[in-house]
Amino acid sequence: MTTATPTASPDAPPSTCDLLIVGAGPAGLAAALAAAPSGARIVLLDDNPAPGGQIWRDGPGVTLPPAARQQRKALERHAHVQLRCGTRVVGLAEQTARSAGLHALWLEDAQGGWVQHARQIILCTGARELLLPFPGWTLPGVTGAGGLQALIKGGLPVAGQRIVVAGSGPLLLAAARTARQAGAQVVAVAEQAPWTALARFGASLVRWPGKAVQAAALLPAVYRADSHVVRAHGAHNLHSAVQSVTLRQGGQERQVACDRLACGFGLVPNTELGQMLGGRVSERQGLAVDADQRLLRGGAAHGPGEPHPVDPVPGLLAAGECTGFGGSERSRAEGAIAGHIAVGDIAAARALHAERARWHAFADALHRHFALQPALRRLAEPDTLVCRCEDVRYADLAQRTGWIDAKLHTRCGMGACQGRICGAATHHLLGWTPAPPRHLLAPVRIGTLAATGIRADEAPRHTG
């Protein structure tokens, strides 16, 4: 892997490439491998230390699945595909690029920042966990379900610890398995979906037998349906953390002693960059794409019941969990289609439509059977923090009229995470739709600004 430096060197990234792929998870890897035989100059970047995304995250003691190892080895055989890990998109830098028919993103790694021009971009930006506020969710030891997985894969010792996993969706089972393999004692897995929905989902898995076998292997004895977290108990200080959690199953509550609580209520597609580049969000809250995975242009419908614009944004495609969550198989099919389309191999792309449709149907089943129950909208109490970055309580937000009003009066969404956590939470709790960023995706180092050498009128502007 090469690294960027502020001055030109043999190891510096190319300033222009034919195809830039943002995200090296299953979708991004599949896109790169589909496009690579064309000989196009491809840059594949990810902000993690190694390719694989969240689902194939590497780390101490991690055994990657065969598909992940195969894709990594296949990628190494293509010298014209430059993999850049530990690199993130900071914002847009398009003042001089549009006239040349190029897209331009401002990138940053540990050494500095630079502007990357590309003729085409495939967005494989993945998804993040939906975290819903409840009393005690800010206690030390309370994380997302996927967050606990990432911590354990990164080397967090949990052997002998008692762990409760709660929320919704198959990620709960995967998180519980990761914890057990690391020596933890999983004392409860609380799934908010009722048994009737889970039974229907199980019956539907006849179409995907591999998923049925996988689910059966992961299902622990402590798994309970129609069960959700009510409150985490503990102390907010340097020497204490979560000590127990109250779960509600049906109409009964019980308190379970634990050392950690991993709680996630599904996934939220990372759409911010796609929206900044002119795309829109679909009804499923993912980036809207056409049959060729081309990013559809943003814009409102002309009137009630009328459709949104269906024309694609030139040179932009999207694939994987950023278009809607549905598993690694769906991501790989979409990524491969996007990669073939980007290099003009239409026949190869359309040969994969049936495979994509199969996994889209699986995604539809997930959405139907793991839909969040209305009771989860009532978890937060008046003093419960919703925006952790700016210490904004639920009571402070309940009297506001919308996202912009809340930002102006409470600073909700203006902290380090830039509304990624509280924005999704307020969408679920209050029905608000956070406005996407316009120029800057994340805080940027002063050293990066100095190293790029771009003019002030070309720099991304943070709009708060």
Protein backbone atom coordinates (compact mmCIF):
# COMPACT_ATOMS: atom_id res chain seq x y z
CA MET A 1 0.00 0.00 0.00
CA THR A 2 1.35 3.43 -0.94
CA THR A 3 0.99 6.59 1.09
CA ALA A 4 0.36 10.20 0.20
CA THR A 5 2.89 12.95 0.86
CA PRO A 6 2.52 16.71 0.49
CA THR A 7 5.07 16.83 -2.37
CA ALA A 8 5.27 14.72 -5.50
CA SER A 9 7.10 11.42 -5.19
CA PRO A 10 7.00 7.97 -6.75
CA ASP A 11 4.67 6.91 -3.92
CA ALA A 12 2.24 9.81 -4.28
CA PRO A 13 -1.28 8.97 -5.38
CA PRO A 14 -2.22 9.70 -9.00
CA SER A 15 -3.96 13.05 -9.31
CA THR A 16 -6.29 11.63 -11.98
CA CYS A 17 -7.69 8.15 -12.45
CA ASP A 18 -10.28 6.55 -14.68
CA LEU A 19 -12.28 5.09 -11.81
CA LEU A 20 -12.34 6.00 -8.13
CA ILE A 21 -14.07 3.52 -5.82
CA VAL A 22 -14.93 4.89 -2.37
CA GLY A 23 -15.14 2.00 0.10
CA ALA A 24 -13.28 -1.33 0.04
CA GLY A 25 -15.94 -3.55 1.59
CA PRO A 26 -17.58 -6.41 -0.32
CA ALA A 27 -19.21 -4.02 -2.82
CA GLY A 28 -16.04 -1.99 -3.45
CA LEU A 29 -13.85 -5.06 -3.84
CA ALA A 30 -16.34 -6.62 -6.27
CA ALA A 31 -16.51 -3.39 -8.26
CA ALA A 32 -12.72 -3.15 -8.53
CA LEU A 33 -12.37 -6.78 -9.62
CA ALA A 34 -15.13 -6.40 -12.23
CA ALA A 35 -13.55 -3.27 -13.70
CA ALA A 36 -9.91 -4.38 -13.46
CA PRO A 37 -9.70 -6.56 -16.64
CA SER A 38 -10.42 -3.43 -18.71
CA GLY A 39 -7.01 -2.01 -17.84
CA ALA A 40 -8.53 1.18 -16.47
CA ARG A 41 -6.57 3.15 -13.89
CA ILE A 42 -8.44 2.42 -10.68
CA VAL A 43 -8.03 3.86 -7.19
CA LEU A 44 -9.79 1.92 -4.41
CA LEU A 45 -9.81 3.66 -1.04
CA ASP A 46 -11.12 2.94 2.45
CA ASP A 47 -10.77 4.66 5.80
CA ASN A 48 -10.05 1.37 7.59
CA PRO A 49 -6.49 -0.02 7.93
CA ALA A 50 -7.29 -3.00 5.66
CA PRO A 51 -9.85 -3.81 2.96
CA GLY A 52 -13.03 -5.68 3.81
CA GLY A 53 -15.30 -3.05 5.29
CA GLN A 54 -17.16 -3.68 8.53
CA ILE A 55 -18.38 -7.15 7.65
CA TRP A 56 -14.91 -8.43 6.69
CA ARG A 57 -12.98 -6.36 9.21
CA ASP A 58 -9.49 -7.72 9.89
CA GLY A 59 -7.67 -7.67 13.19
CA PRO A 60 -5.72 -9.68 15.77
CA GLY A 61 -6.90 -13.27 15.84
CA VAL A 62 -9.50 -12.71 13.09
CA THR A 63 -10.00 -15.50 10.55
CA LEU A 64 -11.40 -13.96 7.40
CA PRO A 65 -14.05 -15.91 5.45
CA PRO A 66 -12.92 -17.58 2.20
CA ALA A 67 -14.69 -14.98 0.00
CA ALA A 68 -12.76 -12.15 1.65
CA ARG A 69 -9.40 -13.91 1.26
CA GLN A 70 -10.13 -14.77 -2.37
CA GLN A 71 -11.03 -11.19 -3.28
CA ARG A 72 -7.92 -9.81 -1.58
CA LYS A 73 -5.66 -12.23 -3.47
CA ALA A 74 -7.41 -11.49 -6.76
CA LEU A 75 -6.96 -7.76 -6.24
CA GLU A 76 -3.21 -8.17 -5.72
CA ARG A 77 -2.87 -9.51 -9.27
CA HIS A 78 -3.92 -6.18 -10.81
CA ALA A 79 -1.03 -3.72 -10.67
CA HIS A 80 -3.14 -0.90 -12.15
CA VAL A 81 -5.54 -1.02 -9.18
CA GLN A 82 -4.13 1.11 -6.40
CA LEU A 83 -5.48 0.22 -2.96
CA ARG A 84 -5.30 3.05 -0.46
CA CYS A 85 -6.37 2.13 3.05
CA GLY A 86 -6.44 4.57 5.96
CA THR A 87 -7.76 7.20 3.53
CA ARG A 88 -10.99 9.11 3.84
CA VAL A 89 -13.02 11.54 1.76
CA VAL A 90 -13.02 14.94 3.44
CA GLY A 91 -15.24 16.83 0.99
CA LEU A 92 -15.70 18.15 -2.53
CA ALA A 93 -13.09 20.04 -4.52
CA GLU A 94 -14.68 20.59 -7.91
CA GLN A 95 -13.96 24.17 -8.90
CA THR A 96 -11.57 23.24 -11.72
CA ALA A 97 -12.75 19.70 -12.42
CA ARG A 98 -16.17 20.19 -13.96
CA SER A 99 -14.90 21.99 -17.05
CA ALA A 100 -12.65 18.99 -17.78
CA GLY A 101 -15.46 16.46 -17.35
CA LEU A 102 -13.96 15.14 -14.11
CA HIS A 103 -15.22 14.63 -10.59
CA ALA A 104 -12.93 15.74 -7.77
CA LEU A 105 -12.87 14.68 -4.14
CA TRP A 106 -10.66 15.98 -1.40
CA LEU A 107 -8.92 13.07 0.34
CA GLU A 108 -6.89 12.80 3.54
CA ASP A 109 -4.66 10.14 5.08
CA ALA A 110 -2.21 10.13 8.00
CA GLN A 111 0.41 12.04 5.99
CA GLY A 112 -1.66 14.77 4.40
CA GLY A 113 -4.38 15.63 1.93
CA TRP A 114 -4.80 15.93 -1.83
CA VAL A 115 -7.41 16.38 -4.53
CA GLN A 116 -8.27 13.22 -6.43
CA HIS A 117 -9.76 13.63 -9.91
CA ALA A 118 -11.68 10.78 -11.50
CA ARG A 119 -13.63 10.27 -14.69
CA GLN A 120 -16.08 8.04 -12.85
CA ILE A 121 -16.79 7.30 -9.20
CA ILE A 122 -18.45 4.28 -7.62
CA LEU A 123 -19.74 4.97 -4.12
CA CYS A 124 -19.54 1.92 -1.85
CA THR A 125 -19.74 3.86 1.39
CA GLY A 126 -21.61 1.18 3.35
CA ALA A 127 -23.84 1.76 6.35
CA ARG A 128 -23.64 2.52 10.05
CA GLU A 129 -25.64 1.30 13.01
CA LEU A 130 -28.91 2.86 14.07
CA LEU A 131 -28.52 3.72 17.75
CA LEU A 132 -31.71 4.72 19.54
CA PRO A 133 -31.39 6.68 22.80
CA PHE A 134 -32.63 5.13 26.05
CA PRO A 135 -31.79 5.89 29.69
CA GLY A 136 -28.21 4.80 30.34
CA TRP A 137 -27.13 4.42 26.70
CA THR A 138 -24.18 6.78 27.27
CA LEU A 139 -22.72 4.68 30.11
CA PRO A 140 -19.20 3.30 29.64
CA GLY A 141 -19.50 -0.24 28.31
CA VAL A 142 -22.58 0.44 26.17
CA THR A 143 -21.80 0.17 22.45
CA GLY A 144 -23.51 -0.73 19.22
CA ALA A 145 -23.75 -4.42 18.34
CA GLY A 146 -21.51 -3.92 15.32
CA GLY A 147 -19.35 -1.60 17.39
CA LEU A 148 -18.67 -4.41 19.85
CA GLN A 149 -17.72 -6.68 16.95
CA ALA A 150 -15.26 -4.10 15.65
CA LEU A 151 -13.73 -3.58 19.09
CA ILE A 152 -13.25 -7.31 19.65
CA LYS A 153 -11.74 -7.79 16.19
CA GLY A 154 -9.41 -4.91 16.98
CA GLY A 155 -8.14 -6.69 20.08
CA LEU A 156 -10.47 -5.65 22.91
CA PRO A 157 -10.26 -8.35 25.65
CA VAL A 158 -13.72 -9.55 26.71
CA ALA A 159 -12.92 -13.03 28.03
CA GLY A 160 -15.03 -13.81 31.08
CA GLN A 161 -17.23 -10.73 30.71
CA ARG A 162 -21.03 -10.95 30.81
CA ILE A 163 -22.53 -9.37 27.70
CA VAL A 164 -26.11 -8.50 26.75
CA VAL A 165 -26.85 -8.02 23.04
CA ALA A 166 -30.07 -6.18 22.19
CA GLY A 167 -31.79 -4.49 19.28
CA SER A 168 -32.91 -5.96 15.98
CA GLY A 169 -31.72 -7.91 12.97
CA PRO A 170 -29.20 -10.61 12.09
CA LEU A 171 -26.32 -8.44 13.30
CA LEU A 172 -27.28 -9.34 16.87
CA LEU A 173 -26.49 -13.01 16.19
CA ALA A 174 -23.18 -12.17 14.54
CA ALA A 175 -22.17 -9.91 17.44
CA ALA A 176 -23.09 -12.60 19.98
CA ARG A 177 -21.02 -15.18 18.12
CA THR A 178 -17.99 -12.86 17.95
CA ALA A 179 -18.27 -12.22 21.70
CA ARG A 180 -18.55 -15.94 22.52
CA GLN A 181 -15.58 -16.80 20.33
CA ALA A 182 -13.55 -14.20 22.25
CA GLY A 183 -14.38 -15.92 25.55
CA ALA A 184 -17.26 -13.72 26.73
CA GLN A 185 -20.43 -15.05 28.32
CA VAL A 186 -23.45 -13.85 26.34
CA VAL A 187 -26.18 -13.78 29.00
CA ALA A 188 -29.04 -12.47 26.82
CA VAL A 189 -29.85 -11.68 23.20
CA ALA A 190 -32.97 -9.49 23.01
CA GLU A 191 -34.60 -9.19 19.57
CA GLN A 192 -37.39 -6.62 19.38
CA ALA A 193 -39.24 -8.37 16.52
CA PRO A 194 -42.05 -10.71 17.66
CA TRP A 195 -41.88 -14.49 17.25
CA THR A 196 -44.60 -14.37 14.56
CA ALA A 197 -42.42 -12.14 12.35
CA LEU A 198 -39.35 -14.29 13.00
CA ALA A 199 -41.28 -17.45 12.12
CA ARG A 200 -42.38 -15.95 8.81
CA PHE A 201 -38.82 -14.84 8.12
CA GLY A 202 -37.52 -18.34 8.92
CA ALA A 203 -40.07 -19.89 6.56
CA SER A 204 -39.00 -17.51 3.78
CA LEU A 205 -35.39 -18.68 4.05
CA VAL A 206 -36.23 -21.70 1.90
CA ARG A 207 -35.24 -19.39 -0.98
CA TRP A 208 -31.84 -18.83 0.63
CA PRO A 209 -30.89 -22.15 2.28
CA GLY A 210 -27.38 -20.98 3.08
CA LYS A 211 -28.81 -18.19 5.22
CA ALA A 212 -31.05 -20.67 7.05
CA VAL A 213 -28.07 -22.85 7.94
CA GLN A 214 -26.10 -19.80 9.03
CA ALA A 215 -28.91 -18.52 11.26
CA ALA A 216 -29.41 -21.93 12.89
CA ALA A 217 -25.70 -22.16 13.67
CA LEU A 218 -25.66 -18.68 15.25
CA LEU A 219 -28.85 -18.90 17.32
CA PRO A 220 -27.92 -19.00 21.05
CA ALA A 221 -30.04 -20.52 23.80
CA VAL A 222 -30.46 -17.09 25.43
CA TYR A 223 -32.13 -15.59 22.32
CA ARG A 224 -35.51 -14.00 23.07
CA ALA A 225 -37.97 -12.42 20.64
CA ASP A 226 -40.40 -9.57 21.38
CA SER A 227 -37.77 -8.30 23.83
CA HIS A 228 -36.08 -4.91 23.97
CA VAL A 229 -33.89 -2.81 26.20
CA VAL A 230 -35.58 -0.35 28.57
CA ARG A 231 -32.71 1.05 30.63
CA ALA A 232 -29.03 0.49 31.36
CA HIS A 233 -27.91 0.83 34.99
CA GLY A 234 -24.48 1.91 36.24
CA ALA A 235 -22.41 4.92 37.22
CA HIS A 236 -20.93 7.69 35.08
CA ASN A 237 -17.36 7.91 36.37
CA LEU A 238 -13.86 6.76 35.51
CA HIS A 239 -14.06 3.68 37.72
CA SER A 240 -17.46 2.29 36.83
CA ALA A 241 -19.55 1.36 33.82
CA VAL A 242 -22.75 -0.42 32.93
CA GLN A 243 -23.65 -2.94 35.62
CA SER A 244 -27.04 -4.26 34.51
CA VAL A 245 -29.78 -3.74 31.96
CA THR A 246 -33.56 -3.86 32.20
CA LEU A 247 -35.22 -5.79 29.38
CA ARG A 248 -38.93 -5.90 28.59
CA GLN A 249 -40.36 -9.07 27.08
CA GLY A 250 -44.04 -8.87 26.33
CA GLY A 251 -45.49 -7.09 29.37
CA GLN A 252 -42.81 -8.27 31.82
CA GLU A 253 -39.55 -6.59 32.79
CA ARG A 254 -36.42 -8.27 34.11
CA GLN A 255 -33.04 -6.96 35.14
CA VAL A 256 -29.93 -8.75 33.87
CA ALA A 257 -26.47 -8.20 35.38
CA CYS A 258 -23.80 -7.55 32.76
CA ASP A 259 -20.41 -5.98 32.11
CA ARG A 260 -21.24 -4.80 28.59
CA LEU A 261 -24.34 -3.97 26.57
CA ALA A 262 -24.21 -4.11 22.76
CA CYS A 263 -27.32 -2.52 21.30
CA GLY A 264 -28.12 -1.85 17.63
CA PHE A 265 -31.47 -1.40 15.88
CA GLY A 266 -30.47 -2.07 12.30
CA LEU A 267 -28.41 -0.11 9.80
CA VAL A 268 -28.50 3.38 8.29
CA PRO A 269 -27.04 3.74 4.76
CA ASN A 270 -24.18 6.24 4.47
CA THR A 271 -25.70 8.54 1.86
CA GLU A 272 -24.02 11.86 2.70
CA LEU A 273 -21.34 11.78 -0.01
CA GLY A 274 -23.80 10.63 -2.65
CA GLN A 275 -26.14 13.49 -1.76
CA MET A 276 -23.28 15.98 -1.86
CA LEU A 277 -22.52 14.78 -5.38
CA GLY A 278 -26.08 15.38 -6.54
CA GLY A 279 -27.81 12.09 -5.83
CA ARG A 280 -31.02 11.53 -3.93
CA VAL A 281 -32.25 9.15 -1.25
CA SER A 282 -34.83 6.45 -1.96
CA GLU A 283 -37.85 5.47 0.12
CA ARG A 284 -35.61 2.89 1.85
CA GLN A 285 -33.28 5.72 2.97
CA GLY A 286 -30.45 4.50 0.71
CA LEU A 287 -29.00 6.18 -2.37
CA ALA A 288 -31.41 5.87 -5.30
CA VAL A 289 -29.92 4.05 -8.31
CA ASP A 290 -31.19 2.76 -11.65
CA ALA A 291 -30.94 -0.78 -13.04
CA ASP A 292 -27.28 -0.17 -13.92
CA GLN A 293 -26.41 1.11 -10.42
CA ARG A 294 -26.09 4.67 -11.72
CA LEU A 295 -26.77 7.30 -9.07
CA LEU A 296 -30.10 9.04 -9.70
CA ARG A 297 -30.21 12.79 -9.61
CA GLY A 298 -31.65 14.59 -6.63
CA GLY A 299 -34.70 16.81 -6.84
CA ALA A 300 -38.23 17.00 -5.59
CA ALA A 301 -41.27 15.62 -7.36
CA HIS A 302 -43.30 18.22 -9.26
CA GLY A 303 -46.43 17.56 -7.22
CA PRO A 304 -48.17 15.13 -4.86
CA GLY A 305 -47.92 11.58 -6.15
CA GLU A 306 -45.60 12.56 -9.02
CA PRO A 307 -42.25 10.76 -9.43
CA HIS A 308 -38.82 12.12 -8.69
CA PRO A 309 -36.37 12.71 -11.55
CA VAL A 310 -35.04 9.42 -12.94
CA ASP A 311 -32.04 10.70 -14.87
CA PRO A 312 -28.63 9.61 -13.51
CA VAL A 313 -25.82 11.90 -12.38
CA PRO A 314 -23.13 11.60 -15.10
CA GLY A 315 -20.15 9.48 -14.10
CA LEU A 316 -21.48 8.44 -10.69
CA LEU A 317 -22.58 4.98 -9.54
CA ALA A 318 -23.40 3.48 -6.14
CA ALA A 319 -23.46 -0.07 -4.80
CA GLY A 320 -23.75 -2.02 -1.58
CA GLU A 321 -25.18 -1.00 1.76
CA CYS A 322 -25.24 2.71 0.87
CA THR A 323 -28.16 1.90 -1.47
CA GLY A 324 -29.95 -0.06 1.29
CA PHE A 325 -28.85 -2.83 3.63
CA GLY A 326 -29.27 -6.48 2.63
CA GLY A 327 -26.10 -8.46 3.31
CA SER A 328 -22.72 -9.05 1.71
CA GLU A 329 -24.11 -11.15 -1.16
CA ARG A 330 -26.34 -8.30 -2.32
CA SER A 331 -23.43 -5.87 -1.96
CA ARG A 332 -21.14 -8.03 -4.06
CA ALA A 333 -23.71 -8.41 -6.85
CA GLU A 334 -24.36 -4.67 -6.96
CA GLY A 335 -20.65 -3.87 -6.80
CA ALA A 336 -19.83 -6.19 -9.69
CA ILE A 337 -22.61 -4.69 -11.82
CA ALA A 338 -21.36 -1.16 -11.08
CA GLY A 339 -17.78 -2.13 -11.95
CA HIS A 340 -18.79 -3.65 -15.29
CA ILE A 341 -20.98 -0.64 -16.15
CA ALA A 342 -18.17 1.80 -15.31
CA VAL A 343 -15.90 0.25 -17.94
CA GLY A 344 -18.63 -0.26 -20.53
CA ASP A 345 -19.13 -4.02 -20.23
CA ILE A 346 -22.92 -3.92 -20.38
CA ALA A 347 -23.39 -7.62 -21.18
CA ALA A 348 -21.38 -8.76 -18.14
CA ALA A 349 -23.34 -6.38 -15.92
CA ARG A 350 -26.73 -7.56 -17.10
CA ALA A 351 -25.74 -11.20 -16.71
CA LEU A 352 -25.69 -10.46 -12.96
CA HIS A 353 -29.19 -8.99 -12.78
CA ALA A 354 -30.80 -12.28 -11.71
CA GLU A 355 -28.28 -12.73 -8.89
CA ARG A 356 -28.90 -9.18 -7.71
CA ALA A 357 -32.68 -9.70 -7.83
CA ARG A 358 -32.32 -12.82 -5.67
CA TRP A 359 -30.55 -10.89 -2.93
CA HIS A 360 -32.80 -7.86 -3.27
CA ALA A 361 -35.65 -10.20 -2.36
CA PHE A 362 -33.71 -11.26 0.73
CA ALA A 363 -33.24 -7.59 1.65
CA ASP A 364 -36.99 -7.05 1.27
CA ALA A 365 -37.61 -9.95 3.69
CA LEU A 366 -35.27 -8.37 6.24
CA HIS A 367 -37.07 -5.03 6.00
CA ARG A 368 -40.50 -6.62 6.40
CA HIS A 369 -39.84 -9.01 9.26
CA PHE A 370 -37.44 -6.88 11.34
CA ALA A 371 -39.41 -3.64 11.14
CA LEU A 372 -39.02 -1.68 14.37
CA GLN A 373 -41.99 -1.73 16.74
CA PRO A 374 -43.64 1.56 17.82
CA ALA A 375 -42.66 0.97 21.47
CA LEU A 376 -39.03 1.82 20.60
CA ARG A 377 -40.06 5.42 19.91
CA ARG A 378 -40.92 5.75 23.59
CA LEU A 379 -37.61 4.60 25.06
CA ALA A 380 -36.13 8.07 25.56
CA GLU A 381 -37.13 9.99 28.69
CA PRO A 382 -37.04 13.81 28.97
CA ASP A 383 -33.49 13.81 30.44
CA THR A 384 -32.12 11.20 28.02
CA LEU A 385 -29.32 12.58 25.85
CA VAL A 386 -30.07 12.29 22.14
CA CYS A 387 -27.09 14.25 20.80
CA ARG A 388 -24.09 12.97 22.76
CA CYS A 389 -21.61 15.34 21.14
CA GLU A 390 -23.44 18.48 22.31
CA ASP A 391 -25.30 17.05 25.38
CA VAL A 392 -28.76 17.75 23.97
CA ARG A 393 -31.63 16.11 25.87
CA TYR A 394 -34.80 14.66 24.40
CA ALA A 395 -36.84 17.34 26.22
CA ASP A 396 -34.82 20.04 24.44
CA LEU A 397 -35.71 18.53 21.05
CA ALA A 398 -39.36 17.71 21.69
CA GLN A 399 -40.27 21.41 21.59
CA ARG A 400 -38.47 22.09 18.31
CA THR A 401 -40.21 22.01 14.91
CA GLY A 402 -37.56 20.27 12.84
CA TRP A 403 -33.88 19.48 12.26
CA ILE A 404 -32.77 23.00 11.30
CA ASP A 405 -34.73 24.55 14.17
CA ALA A 406 -33.10 22.07 16.56
CA LYS A 407 -29.60 22.87 15.25
CA LEU A 408 -30.15 26.60 15.62
CA HIS A 409 -31.48 26.41 19.17
CA THR A 410 -29.67 23.41 20.68
CA ARG A 411 -26.62 22.66 18.47
CA CYS A 412 -27.97 19.15 17.92
CA GLY A 413 -25.98 17.55 15.10
CA MET A 414 -23.16 20.11 15.19
CA GLY A 415 -20.62 18.03 17.11
CA ALA A 416 -17.82 15.73 16.03
CA CYS A 417 -20.07 13.11 14.41
CA GLN A 418 -21.84 15.80 12.35
CA GLY A 419 -25.28 14.38 13.05
CA ARG A 420 -24.59 10.84 11.92
CA ILE A 421 -25.85 9.36 15.21
CA CYS A 422 -28.44 11.87 16.42
CA GLY A 423 -29.69 12.57 12.89
CA ALA A 424 -30.76 8.98 12.39
CA ALA A 425 -32.17 8.84 15.92
CA THR A 426 -34.30 11.98 15.47
CA HIS A 427 -35.53 10.66 12.13
CA HIS A 428 -36.88 7.60 13.94
CA LEU A 429 -38.08 9.39 17.08
CA LEU A 430 -39.44 12.63 15.65
CA GLY A 431 -39.75 12.06 11.90
CA TRP A 432 -37.15 14.68 11.03
CA THR A 433 -35.02 14.44 7.89
CA PRO A 434 -31.55 15.91 8.52
CA ALA A 435 -30.19 18.09 5.73
CA PRO A 436 -27.16 16.53 4.00
CA PRO A 437 -23.77 18.26 4.19
CA ARG A 438 -22.94 20.53 1.26
CA HIS A 439 -19.14 20.66 1.10
CA LEU A 440 -17.38 19.06 4.05
CA LEU A 441 -18.00 15.52 5.32
CA ALA A 442 -15.82 15.54 8.42
CA PRO A 443 -13.46 17.76 10.43
CA VAL A 444 -10.12 18.18 8.66
CA ARG A 445 -6.61 18.82 10.00
CA ILE A 446 -4.97 22.20 9.53
CA GLY A 447 -1.89 20.34 8.28
CA THR A 448 -3.93 18.82 5.49
CA LEU A 449 -5.17 22.25 4.44
CA ALA A 450 -1.59 23.52 4.30
CA ALA A 451 -0.27 20.46 2.47
CA THR A 452 -2.77 20.52 -0.39
CA GLY A 453 -1.80 23.95 -1.58
CA ILE A 454 -5.26 24.54 -3.04
CA ARG A 455 -6.62 28.06 -3.11
CA ALA A 456 -9.08 29.25 -0.50
CA ASP A 457 -11.87 29.47 -3.10
CA GLU A 458 -11.33 25.77 -3.94
CA ALA A 459 -11.38 24.48 -0.38
CA PRO A 460 -14.45 22.75 1.01
CA ARG A 461 -16.49 24.93 3.31
CA HIS A 462 -17.99 23.61 6.52
CA THR A 463 -21.63 24.68 6.66
CA GLY A 464 -22.44 23.42 10.17
